[in-house]
Amino acid sequence: MPLDDLRRKIDDLDDAILAILEQRTHVVDDIAAEKRRMGAASFHDPERERKLLDRVGAKGAGRFPREAIRAVFREIMSGCLSLEQP
């Protein structure tokens, strides 16, 4: 396959990742609203974060390095946590 076509495939995949991240922010908004309704003292849940990182790390993504998966999801969670703040 020509290089330009391969790069277009990468662009399409990147666009799909961005769309999924946007979907995730909508769920984060719902979670934040529920935490506020419940009177949560903190929006950060280290135990939930650890479980998520363990789950995605164990699941893996084929050839994508497991430690890189954990780093990617740490960044995703950090960005989403910034949206949850009251």
C-alpha atoms as a PDB file:
ATOM      1  CA  MET A   1       0.000   0.000   0.000  1.00  0.00           C
ATOM      2  CA  PRO A   2       1.389   3.464  -0.825  1.00  0.00           C
ATOM      3  CA  LEU A   3       2.718   5.564   2.050  1.00  0.00           C
ATOM      4  CA  ASP A   4       0.087   8.285   1.556  1.00  0.00           C
ATOM      5  CA  ASP A   5      -2.696   5.708   1.861  1.00  0.00           C
ATOM      6  CA  LEU A   6      -1.154   4.292   5.023  1.00  0.00           C
ATOM      7  CA  ARG A   7      -0.908   7.766   6.497  1.00  0.00           C
ATOM      8  CA  ARG A   8      -4.569   8.400   5.684  1.00  0.00           C
ATOM      9  CA  LYS A   9      -5.414   5.216   7.576  1.00  0.00           C
ATOM     10  CA  ILE A  10      -3.478   6.542  10.593  1.00  0.00           C
ATOM     11  CA  ASP A  11      -5.332   9.864  10.312  1.00  0.00           C
ATOM     12  CA  ASP A  12      -8.665   8.016  10.249  1.00  0.00           C
ATOM     13  CA  LEU A  13      -7.689   5.985  13.315  1.00  0.00           C
ATOM     14  CA  ASP A  14      -6.566   9.126  15.145  1.00  0.00           C
ATOM     15  CA  ASP A  15      -9.912  10.758  14.343  1.00  0.00           C
ATOM     16  CA  ALA A  16     -11.703   7.697  15.745  1.00  0.00           C
ATOM     17  CA  ILE A  17      -9.637   7.880  18.949  1.00  0.00           C
ATOM     18  CA  LEU A  18     -10.538  11.568  19.320  1.00  0.00           C
ATOM     19  CA  ALA A  19     -14.234  10.802  18.839  1.00  0.00           C
ATOM     20  CA  ILE A  20     -14.101   8.096  21.506  1.00  0.00           C
ATOM     21  CA  LEU A  21     -12.340  10.480  23.893  1.00  0.00           C
ATOM     22  CA  GLU A  22     -15.166  12.963  23.345  1.00  0.00           C
ATOM     23  CA  GLN A  23     -17.697  10.223  24.156  1.00  0.00           C
ATOM     24  CA  ARG A  24     -15.738   9.468  27.322  1.00  0.00           C
ATOM     25  CA  THR A  25     -15.998  13.114  28.417  1.00  0.00           C
ATOM     26  CA  HIS A  26     -19.795  12.898  28.265  1.00  0.00           C
ATOM     27  CA  VAL A  27     -19.744   9.926  30.634  1.00  0.00           C
ATOM     28  CA  VAL A  28     -17.282  11.792  32.872  1.00  0.00           C
ATOM     29  CA  ASP A  29     -19.755  14.697  33.001  1.00  0.00           C
ATOM     30  CA  ASP A  30     -22.481  12.282  34.125  1.00  0.00           C
ATOM     31  CA  ILE A  31     -20.188  10.793  36.772  1.00  0.00           C
ATOM     32  CA  ALA A  32     -19.275  14.241  38.084  1.00  0.00           C
ATOM     33  CA  ALA A  33     -22.950  15.195  38.321  1.00  0.00           C
ATOM     34  CA  GLU A  34     -23.706  12.007  40.247  1.00  0.00           C
ATOM     35  CA  LYS A  35     -20.764  12.583  42.600  1.00  0.00           C
ATOM     36  CA  ARG A  36     -22.015  16.122  43.260  1.00  0.00           C
ATOM     37  CA  ARG A  37     -25.528  14.804  43.882  1.00  0.00           C
ATOM     38  CA  MET A  38     -24.118  12.299  46.376  1.00  0.00           C
ATOM     39  CA  GLY A  39     -22.071  15.029  48.076  1.00  0.00           C
ATOM     40  CA  ALA A  40     -18.738  13.393  47.330  1.00  0.00           C
ATOM     41  CA  ALA A  41     -15.865  15.044  49.166  1.00  0.00           C
ATOM     42  CA  SER A  42     -13.414  14.185  46.400  1.00  0.00           C
ATOM     43  CA  PHE A  43     -13.659  13.504  42.709  1.00  0.00           C
ATOM     44  CA  HIS A  44     -10.398  11.546  42.621  1.00  0.00           C
ATOM     45  CA  ASP A  45     -10.709   7.836  43.387  1.00  0.00           C
ATOM     46  CA  PRO A  46      -7.211   6.305  43.559  1.00  0.00           C
ATOM     47  CA  GLU A  47      -8.601   2.777  43.985  1.00  0.00           C
ATOM     48  CA  ARG A  48     -10.753   3.085  40.854  1.00  0.00           C
ATOM     49  CA  GLU A  49      -7.760   4.527  38.984  1.00  0.00           C
ATOM     50  CA  ARG A  50      -5.542   1.620  40.051  1.00  0.00           C
ATOM     51  CA  LYS A  51      -8.158  -0.935  39.005  1.00  0.00           C
ATOM     52  CA  LEU A  52      -8.599   0.701  35.605  1.00  0.00           C
ATOM     53  CA  LEU A  53      -4.832   0.800  34.995  1.00  0.00           C
ATOM     54  CA  ASP A  54      -4.509  -2.835  36.077  1.00  0.00           C
ATOM     55  CA  ARG A  55      -7.385  -3.839  33.796  1.00  0.00           C
ATOM     56  CA  VAL A  56      -6.156  -2.088  30.662  1.00  0.00           C
ATOM     57  CA  GLY A  57      -2.576  -3.122  31.367  1.00  0.00           C
ATOM     58  CA  ALA A  58      -3.583  -6.768  31.725  1.00  0.00           C
ATOM     59  CA  LYS A  59      -5.827  -6.638  28.676  1.00  0.00           C
ATOM     60  CA  GLY A  60      -3.123  -5.131  26.500  1.00  0.00           C
ATOM     61  CA  ALA A  61      -3.423  -3.853  22.953  1.00  0.00           C
ATOM     62  CA  GLY A  62      -1.599  -6.382  20.852  1.00  0.00           C
ATOM     63  CA  ARG A  63       1.883  -5.170  20.024  1.00  0.00           C
ATOM     64  CA  PHE A  64       1.412  -1.797  21.731  1.00  0.00           C
ATOM     65  CA  PRO A  65       3.729  -1.773  24.799  1.00  0.00           C
ATOM     66  CA  ARG A  66       1.870  -2.448  28.061  1.00  0.00           C
ATOM     67  CA  GLU A  67       3.685   0.296  29.975  1.00  0.00           C
ATOM     68  CA  ALA A  68       2.765   2.745  27.240  1.00  0.00           C
ATOM     69  CA  ILE A  69      -0.880   1.699  27.614  1.00  0.00           C
ATOM     70  CA  ARG A  70      -0.723   2.563  31.297  1.00  0.00           C
ATOM     71  CA  ALA A  71       0.866   5.954  30.502  1.00  0.00           C
ATOM     72  CA  VAL A  72      -1.776   6.744  27.873  1.00  0.00           C
ATOM     73  CA  PHE A  73      -4.604   5.914  30.252  1.00  0.00           C
ATOM     74  CA  ARG A  74      -3.008   7.909  33.084  1.00  0.00           C
ATOM     75  CA  GLU A  75      -3.106  10.945  30.783  1.00  0.00           C
ATOM     76  CA  ILE A  76      -6.694  10.239  29.733  1.00  0.00           C
ATOM     77  CA  MET A  77      -7.773   9.962  33.365  1.00  0.00           C
ATOM     78  CA  SER A  78      -5.871  13.123  34.290  1.00  0.00           C
ATOM     79  CA  GLY A  79      -7.607  15.066  31.521  1.00  0.00           C
ATOM     80  CA  CYS A  80     -10.992  13.695  32.497  1.00  0.00           C
ATOM     81  CA  LEU A  81     -10.420  14.446  36.189  1.00  0.00           C
ATOM     82  CA  SER A  82      -9.810  18.070  35.269  1.00  0.00           C
ATOM     83  CA  LEU A  83     -13.320  18.107  33.760  1.00  0.00           C
ATOM     84  CA  GLU A  84     -14.873  16.658  36.934  1.00  0.00           C
ATOM     85  CA  GLN A  85     -13.638  19.348  39.283  1.00  0.00           C
ATOM     86  CA  PRO A  86     -16.457  21.351  40.830  1.00  0.00           C
END
